[in-house]
């Protein structure tokens, strides 16, 4: 089964349950070369801590399902 990746390096994110972490940025991606291996992302949050999460949407422990959400930058001054 192909992996469906949620985040990529440079994405801005937040956690819906831990507002005290602040916003975060994906600073690293790791992909296993072994069949069945997992994909991880490391996110550096404003609180100064880097946290690692599973990045495969086919995995029930994916960071999306645990509360990580993308922050979409909206340009309110431009049409």
PDB file of N, CA and C in Angstrom:
ATOM      1  N   UNK A   1       0.837  -1.177   0.000  1.00  0.00           N
ATOM      2  CA  UNK A   1       0.000   0.000   0.000  1.00  0.00           C
ATOM      3  C   UNK A   1       0.885   1.244   0.000  1.00  0.00           C
ATOM      4  N   UNK A   2       0.576   2.191  -0.867  1.00  0.00           N
ATOM      5  CA  UNK A   2       1.342   3.431  -0.935  1.00  0.00           C
ATOM      6  C   UNK A   2       1.049   4.312   0.264  1.00  0.00           C
ATOM      7  N   UNK A   3       2.075   5.029   0.692  1.00  0.00           N
ATOM      8  CA  UNK A   3       1.909   5.948   1.799  1.00  0.00           C
ATOM      9  C   UNK A   3       1.266   7.239   1.292  1.00  0.00           C
ATOM     10  N   UNK A   4       0.386   7.803   2.100  1.00  0.00           N
ATOM     11  CA  UNK A   4      -0.224   9.095   1.791  1.00  0.00           C
ATOM     12  C   UNK A   4       0.324  10.089   2.811  1.00  0.00           C
ATOM     13  N   UNK A   5       1.227  10.942   2.396  1.00  0.00           N
ATOM     14  CA  UNK A   5       1.883  11.867   3.309  1.00  0.00           C
ATOM     15  C   UNK A   5       1.018  13.102   3.539  1.00  0.00           C
ATOM     16  N   UNK A   6       0.986  13.556   4.781  1.00  0.00           N
ATOM     17  CA  UNK A   6       0.176  14.713   5.171  1.00  0.00           C
ATOM     18  C   UNK A   6       0.985  16.004   5.138  1.00  0.00           C
ATOM     19  N   UNK A   7       2.184  15.997   5.692  1.00  0.00           N
ATOM     20  CA  UNK A   7       2.997  17.207   5.815  1.00  0.00           C
ATOM     21  C   UNK A   7       4.279  17.110   5.006  1.00  0.00           C
ATOM     22  N   UNK A   8       4.821  18.268   4.665  1.00  0.00           N
ATOM     23  CA  UNK A   8       6.121  18.332   4.006  1.00  0.00           C
ATOM     24  C   UNK A   8       6.946  19.420   4.695  1.00  0.00           C
ATOM     25  N   UNK A   9       8.243  19.393   4.488  1.00  0.00           N
ATOM     26  CA  UNK A   9       9.143  20.358   5.107  1.00  0.00           C
ATOM     27  C   UNK A   9       8.711  21.781   4.757  1.00  0.00           C
ATOM     28  N   UNK A  10       8.665  22.620   5.781  1.00  0.00           N
ATOM     29  CA  UNK A  10       8.286  24.022   5.585  1.00  0.00           C
ATOM     30  C   UNK A  10       6.837  24.322   5.913  1.00  0.00           C
ATOM     31  N   UNK A  11       5.988  23.285   6.039  1.00  0.00           N
ATOM     32  CA  UNK A  11       4.582  23.513   6.375  1.00  0.00           C
ATOM     33  C   UNK A  11       4.458  24.127   7.761  1.00  0.00           C
ATOM     34  N   UNK A  12       3.520  25.050   7.915  1.00  0.00           N
ATOM     35  CA  UNK A  12       3.210  25.658   9.205  1.00  0.00           C
ATOM     36  C   UNK A  12       1.999  24.927   9.785  1.00  0.00           C
ATOM     37  N   UNK A  13       2.091  24.580  11.080  1.00  0.00           N
ATOM     38  CA  UNK A  13       1.046  23.771  11.701  1.00  0.00           C
ATOM     39  C   UNK A  13       0.727  24.279  13.114  1.00  0.00           C
ATOM     40  N   UNK A  14      -0.340  23.738  13.677  1.00  0.00           N
ATOM     41  CA  UNK A  14      -0.684  23.945  15.074  1.00  0.00           C
ATOM     42  C   UNK A  14      -1.318  22.664  15.594  1.00  0.00           C
ATOM     43  N   UNK A  15      -1.359  22.493  16.898  1.00  0.00           N
ATOM     44  CA  UNK A  15      -2.024  21.335  17.500  1.00  0.00           C
ATOM     45  C   UNK A  15      -3.317  21.825  18.122  1.00  0.00           C
ATOM     46  N   UNK A  16      -4.429  21.168  17.801  1.00  0.00           N
ATOM     47  CA  UNK A  16      -5.733  21.649  18.250  1.00  0.00           C
ATOM     48  C   UNK A  16      -5.963  21.447  19.750  1.00  0.00           C
ATOM     49  N   UNK A  17      -5.158  20.634  20.400  1.00  0.00           N
ATOM     50  CA  UNK A  17      -5.344  20.395  21.837  1.00  0.00           C
ATOM     51  C   UNK A  17      -4.286  21.047  22.710  1.00  0.00           C
ATOM     52  N   UNK A  18      -3.180  21.475  22.131  1.00  0.00           N
ATOM     53  CA  UNK A  18      -2.069  22.031  22.904  1.00  0.00           C
ATOM     54  C   UNK A  18      -1.710  23.428  22.392  1.00  0.00           C
ATOM     55  N   UNK A  19      -2.569  24.396  22.683  1.00  0.00           N
ATOM     56  CA  UNK A  19      -2.339  25.765  22.230  1.00  0.00           C
ATOM     57  C   UNK A  19      -1.070  26.358  22.834  1.00  0.00           C
ATOM     58  N   UNK A  20      -0.663  25.865  24.006  1.00  0.00           N
ATOM     59  CA  UNK A  20       0.538  26.390  24.666  1.00  0.00           C
ATOM     60  C   UNK A  20       1.813  26.088  23.872  1.00  0.00           C
ATOM     61  N   UNK A  21       1.775  25.132  22.951  1.00  0.00           N
ATOM     62  CA  UNK A  21       2.935  24.836  22.110  1.00  0.00           C
ATOM     63  C   UNK A  21       3.178  25.958  21.115  1.00  0.00           C
ATOM     64  N   UNK A  22       2.141  26.696  20.764  1.00  0.00           N
ATOM     65  CA  UNK A  22       2.244  27.725  19.730  1.00  0.00           C
ATOM     66  C   UNK A  22       2.219  27.103  18.347  1.00  0.00           C
ATOM     67  N   UNK A  23       2.529  27.900  17.354  1.00  0.00           N
ATOM     68  CA  UNK A  23       2.576  27.372  15.995  1.00  0.00           C
ATOM     69  C   UNK A  23       3.906  26.651  15.792  1.00  0.00           C
ATOM     70  N   UNK A  24       3.913  25.790  14.810  1.00  0.00           N
ATOM     71  CA  UNK A  24       5.114  25.020  14.533  1.00  0.00           C
ATOM     72  C   UNK A  24       5.428  24.991  13.052  1.00  0.00           C
ATOM     73  N   UNK A  25       6.638  24.568  12.756  1.00  0.00           N
ATOM     74  CA  UNK A  25       7.066  24.416  11.368  1.00  0.00           C
ATOM     75  C   UNK A  25       7.736  23.063  11.211  1.00  0.00           C
ATOM     76  N   UNK A  26       7.385  22.366  10.136  1.00  0.00           N
ATOM     77  CA  UNK A  26       8.006  21.071   9.845  1.00  0.00           C
ATOM     78  C   UNK A  26       9.441  21.339   9.405  1.00  0.00           C
ATOM     79  N   UNK A  27      10.391  20.816  10.177  1.00  0.00           N
ATOM     80  CA  UNK A  27      11.804  21.065   9.885  1.00  0.00           C
ATOM     81  C   UNK A  27      12.521  19.845   9.318  1.00  0.00           C
ATOM     82  N   UNK A  28      11.872  18.660   9.399  1.00  0.00           N
ATOM     83  CA  UNK A  28      12.540  17.452   8.914  1.00  0.00           C
ATOM     84  C   UNK A  28      11.505  16.382   8.573  1.00  0.00           C
ATOM     85  N   UNK A  29      11.785  15.645   7.503  1.00  0.00           N
ATOM     86  CA  UNK A  29      10.989  14.474   7.121  1.00  0.00           C
ATOM     87  C   UNK A  29      11.918  13.269   7.080  1.00  0.00           C
ATOM     88  N   UNK A  30      11.429  12.132   7.545  1.00  0.00           N
ATOM     89  CA  UNK A  30      12.198  10.885   7.441  1.00  0.00           C
ATOM     90  C   UNK A  30      11.279   9.813   6.879  1.00  0.00           C
ATOM     91  N   UNK A  31      11.799   9.081   5.906  1.00  0.00           N
ATOM     92  CA  UNK A  31      11.030   8.029   5.255  1.00  0.00           C
ATOM     93  C   UNK A  31      11.816   6.725   5.338  1.00  0.00           C
ATOM     94  N   UNK A  32      11.167   5.677   5.781  1.00  0.00           N
ATOM     95  CA  UNK A  32      11.799   4.370   5.863  1.00  0.00           C
ATOM     96  C   UNK A  32      11.900   3.764   4.469  1.00  0.00           C
ATOM     97  N   UNK A  33      13.010   3.093   4.200  1.00  0.00           N
ATOM     98  CA  UNK A  33      13.168   2.415   2.920  1.00  0.00           C
ATOM     99  C   UNK A  33      12.711   0.960   3.004  1.00  0.00           C
ATOM    100  N   UNK A  34      12.373   0.503   4.203  1.00  0.00           N
ATOM    101  CA  UNK A  34      11.910  -0.869   4.385  1.00  0.00           C
ATOM    102  C   UNK A  34      10.412  -0.969   4.115  1.00  0.00           C
ATOM    103  N   UNK A  35       9.954  -2.073   3.524  1.00  0.00           N
ATOM    104  CA  UNK A  35       8.517  -2.262   3.335  1.00  0.00           C
ATOM    105  C   UNK A  35       7.805  -2.250   4.688  1.00  0.00           C
ATOM    106  N   UNK A  36       6.741  -1.465   4.774  1.00  0.00           N
ATOM    107  CA  UNK A  36       5.993  -1.368   6.022  1.00  0.00           C
ATOM    108  C   UNK A  36       6.575  -0.390   7.017  1.00  0.00           C
ATOM    109  N   UNK A  37       7.694   0.243   6.672  1.00  0.00           N
ATOM    110  CA  UNK A  37       8.314   1.230   7.562  1.00  0.00           C
ATOM    111  C   UNK A  37       7.486   2.501   7.635  1.00  0.00           C
ATOM    112  N   UNK A  38       7.735   3.300   8.653  1.00  0.00           N
ATOM    113  CA  UNK A  38       6.895   4.489   8.819  1.00  0.00           C
ATOM    114  C   UNK A  38       7.591   5.749   8.315  1.00  0.00           C
ATOM    115  N   UNK A  39       6.790   6.786   8.152  1.00  0.00           N
ATOM    116  CA  UNK A  39       7.257   8.107   7.758  1.00  0.00           C
ATOM    117  C   UNK A  39       7.064   9.027   8.950  1.00  0.00           C
ATOM    118  N   UNK A  40       8.091   9.792   9.263  1.00  0.00           N
ATOM    119  CA  UNK A  40       8.032  10.691  10.414  1.00  0.00           C
ATOM    120  C   UNK A  40       8.316  12.120   9.981  1.00  0.00           C
ATOM    121  N   UNK A  41       7.773  13.062  10.749  1.00  0.00           N
ATOM    122  CA  UNK A  41       8.121  14.466  10.596  1.00  0.00           C
ATOM    123  C   UNK A  41       8.519  15.007  11.959  1.00  0.00           C
ATOM    124  N   UNK A  42       9.467  15.929  11.946  1.00  0.00           N
ATOM    125  CA  UNK A  42       9.861  16.630  13.169  1.00  0.00           C
ATOM    126  C   UNK A  42       9.370  18.066  13.023  1.00  0.00           C
ATOM    127  N   UNK A  43       8.638  18.511  14.050  1.00  0.00           N
ATOM    128  CA  UNK A  43       8.052  19.847  14.037  1.00  0.00           C
ATOM    129  C   UNK A  43       8.655  20.652  15.184  1.00  0.00           C
ATOM    130  N   UNK A  44       9.159  21.845  14.865  1.00  0.00           N
ATOM    131  CA  UNK A  44       9.689  22.754  15.870  1.00  0.00           C
ATOM    132  C   UNK A  44       8.593  23.752  16.207  1.00  0.00           C
ATOM    133  N   UNK A  45       8.171  23.751  17.475  1.00  0.00           N
ATOM    134  CA  UNK A  45       7.094  24.626  17.926  1.00  0.00           C
ATOM    135  C   UNK A  45       7.660  25.882  18.575  1.00  0.00           C
ATOM    136  N   UNK A  46       6.817  26.894  18.739  1.00  0.00           N
ATOM    137  CA  UNK A  46       7.230  28.169  19.320  1.00  0.00           C
ATOM    138  C   UNK A  46       7.697  28.032  20.763  1.00  0.00           C
ATOM    139  N   UNK A  47       7.277  26.994  21.459  1.00  0.00           N
ATOM    140  CA  UNK A  47       7.715  26.823  22.847  1.00  0.00           C
ATOM    141  C   UNK A  47       9.165  26.335  22.928  1.00  0.00           C
ATOM    142  N   UNK A  48       9.799  26.133  21.765  1.00  0.00           N
ATOM    143  CA  UNK A  48      11.204  25.748  21.725  1.00  0.00           C
ATOM    144  C   UNK A  48      11.448  24.260  21.653  1.00  0.00           C
ATOM    145  N   UNK A  49      10.406  23.457  21.685  1.00  0.00           N
ATOM    146  CA  UNK A  49      10.559  22.008  21.632  1.00  0.00           C
ATOM    147  C   UNK A  49      10.273  21.478  20.233  1.00  0.00           C
ATOM    148  N   UNK A  50      11.082  20.514  19.828  1.00  0.00           N
ATOM    149  CA  UNK A  50      10.846  19.798  18.571  1.00  0.00           C
ATOM    150  C   UNK A  50      10.174  18.476  18.922  1.00  0.00           C
ATOM    151  N   UNK A  51       9.093  18.170  18.229  1.00  0.00           N
ATOM    152  CA  UNK A  51       8.346  16.938  18.490  1.00  0.00           C
ATOM    153  C   UNK A  51       8.216  16.163  17.187  1.00  0.00           C
ATOM    154  N   UNK A  52       8.258  14.832  17.296  1.00  0.00           N
ATOM    155  CA  UNK A  52       8.162  13.962  16.121  1.00  0.00           C
ATOM    156  C   UNK A  52       6.794  13.306  16.067  1.00  0.00           C
ATOM    157  N   UNK A  53       6.290  13.163  14.851  1.00  0.00           N
ATOM    158  CA  UNK A  53       4.968  12.579  14.629  1.00  0.00           C
ATOM    159  C   UNK A  53       5.006  11.667  13.409  1.00  0.00           C
ATOM    160  N   UNK A  54       4.104  10.700  13.374  1.00  0.00           N
ATOM    161  CA  UNK A  54       3.917   9.848  12.196  1.00  0.00           C
ATOM    162  C   UNK A  54       3.213  10.675  11.134  1.00  0.00           C
ATOM    163  N   UNK A  55       3.652  10.536   9.879  1.00  0.00           N
ATOM    164  CA  UNK A  55       3.174  11.397   8.795  1.00  0.00           C
ATOM    165  C   UNK A  55       2.417  10.637   7.703  1.00  0.00           C
ATOM    166  N   UNK A  56       1.970   9.444   7.941  1.00  0.00           N
ATOM    167  CA  UNK A  56       1.287   8.625   6.937  1.00  0.00           C
ATOM    168  C   UNK A  56      -0.205   8.593   7.245  1.00  0.00           C
ATOM    169  N   UNK A  57      -1.019   9.173   6.368  1.00  0.00           N
ATOM    170  CA  UNK A  57      -2.471   9.224   6.591  1.00  0.00           C
ATOM    171  C   UNK A  57      -3.116   7.837   6.616  1.00  0.00           C
ATOM    172  N   UNK A  58      -2.429   6.815   6.106  1.00  0.00           N
ATOM    173  CA  UNK A  58      -2.954   5.453   6.170  1.00  0.00           C
ATOM    174  C   UNK A  58      -2.750   4.824   7.551  1.00  0.00           C
ATOM    175  N   UNK A  59      -1.978   5.470   8.405  1.00  0.00           N
ATOM    176  CA  UNK A  59      -1.698   4.975   9.750  1.00  0.00           C
ATOM    177  C   UNK A  59      -2.658   5.661  10.731  1.00  0.00           C
ATOM    178  N   UNK A  60      -3.321   4.884  11.573  1.00  0.00           N
ATOM    179  CA  UNK A  60      -4.297   5.463  12.507  1.00  0.00           C
ATOM    180  C   UNK A  60      -3.649   6.373  13.549  1.00  0.00           C
ATOM    181  N   UNK A  61      -2.325   6.363  13.639  1.00  0.00           N
ATOM    182  CA  UNK A  61      -1.598   7.239  14.572  1.00  0.00           C
ATOM    183  C   UNK A  61      -0.988   8.448  13.865  1.00  0.00           C
ATOM    184  N   UNK A  62      -1.428   8.719  12.652  1.00  0.00           N
ATOM    185  CA  UNK A  62      -0.920   9.858  11.889  1.00  0.00           C
ATOM    186  C   UNK A  62      -1.142  11.149  12.678  1.00  0.00           C
ATOM    187  N   UNK A  63      -0.235  12.099  12.505  1.00  0.00           N
ATOM    188  CA  UNK A  63      -0.330  13.361  13.231  1.00  0.00           C
ATOM    189  C   UNK A  63      -1.648  14.087  12.958  1.00  0.00           C
ATOM    190  N   UNK A  64      -2.253  13.910  11.798  1.00  0.00           N
ATOM    191  CA  UNK A  64      -3.544  14.545  11.517  1.00  0.00           C
ATOM    192  C   UNK A  64      -4.602  14.029  12.481  1.00  0.00           C
ATOM    193  N   UNK A  65      -4.629  12.727  12.702  1.00  0.00           N
ATOM    194  CA  UNK A  65      -5.644  12.130  13.568  1.00  0.00           C
ATOM    195  C   UNK A  65      -5.393  12.419  15.047  1.00  0.00           C
ATOM    196  N   UNK A  66      -4.165  12.814  15.394  1.00  0.00           N
ATOM    197  CA  UNK A  66      -3.861  13.136  16.788  1.00  0.00           C
ATOM    198  C   UNK A  66      -3.980  14.631  17.078  1.00  0.00           C
ATOM    199  N   UNK A  67      -4.294  15.455  16.064  1.00  0.00           N
ATOM    200  CA  UNK A  67      -4.590  16.857  16.333  1.00  0.00           C
ATOM    201  C   UNK A  67      -3.747  17.894  15.630  1.00  0.00           C
ATOM    202  N   UNK A  68      -2.791  17.494  14.805  1.00  0.00           N
ATOM    203  CA  UNK A  68      -1.976  18.466  14.072  1.00  0.00           C
ATOM    204  C   UNK A  68      -2.774  18.954  12.862  1.00  0.00           C
ATOM    205  N   UNK A  69      -2.832  20.270  12.695  1.00  0.00           N
ATOM    206  CA  UNK A  69      -3.544  20.855  11.561  1.00  0.00           C
ATOM    207  C   UNK A  69      -2.655  21.861  10.851  1.00  0.00           C
ATOM    208  N   UNK A  70      -2.778  21.903   9.528  1.00  0.00           N
ATOM    209  CA  UNK A  70      -2.064  22.890   8.721  1.00  0.00           C
ATOM    210  C   UNK A  70      -2.642  24.273   8.971  1.00  0.00           C
ATOM    211  N   UNK A  71      -1.775  25.268   8.967  1.00  0.00           N
ATOM    212  CA  UNK A  71      -2.208  26.655   9.035  1.00  0.00           C
ATOM    213  C   UNK A  71      -2.098  27.199   7.626  1.00  0.00           C
ATOM    214  N   UNK A  72      -3.227  27.532   7.058  1.00  0.00           N
ATOM    215  CA  UNK A  72      -3.234  28.077   5.702  1.00  0.00           C
ATOM    216  C   UNK A  72      -3.111  29.580   5.798  1.00  0.00           C
ATOM    217  N   UNK A  73      -2.050  30.098   5.224  1.00  0.00           N
ATOM    218  CA  UNK A  73      -1.847  31.548   5.242  1.00  0.00           C
ATOM    219  C   UNK A  73      -2.821  32.184   4.267  1.00  0.00           C
ATOM    220  N   UNK A  74      -3.666  33.034   4.802  1.00  0.00           N
ATOM    221  CA  UNK A  74      -4.637  33.717   3.961  1.00  0.00           C
ATOM    222  C   UNK A  74      -4.186  35.163   3.768  1.00  0.00           C
ATOM    223  N   UNK A  75      -4.224  35.605   2.556  1.00  0.00           N
ATOM    224  CA  UNK A  75      -3.808  36.968   2.244  1.00  0.00           C
ATOM    225  C   UNK A  75      -5.049  37.838   2.184  1.00  0.00           C
ATOM    226  N   UNK A  76      -5.374  38.461   3.299  1.00  0.00           N
ATOM    227  CA  UNK A  76      -6.621  39.218   3.372  1.00  0.00           C
ATOM    228  C   UNK A  76      -6.524  40.550   2.651  1.00  0.00           C
ATOM    229  N   UNK A  77      -5.298  41.007   2.355  1.00  0.00           N
ATOM    230  CA  UNK A  77      -5.144  42.312   1.710  1.00  0.00           C
ATOM    231  C   UNK A  77      -5.104  42.194   0.197  1.00  0.00           C
ATOM    232  N   UNK A  78      -5.022  40.978  -0.317  1.00  0.00           N
ATOM    233  CA  UNK A  78      -4.954  40.793  -1.761  1.00  0.00           C
ATOM    234  C   UNK A  78      -6.213  40.093  -2.238  1.00  0.00           C
ATOM    235  N   UNK A  79      -6.622  40.400  -3.448  1.00  0.00           N
ATOM    236  CA  UNK A  79      -7.793  39.732  -4.048  1.00  0.00           C
ATOM    237  C   UNK A  79      -7.368  38.533  -4.829  1.00  0.00           C
TER     238      UNK A  79
END
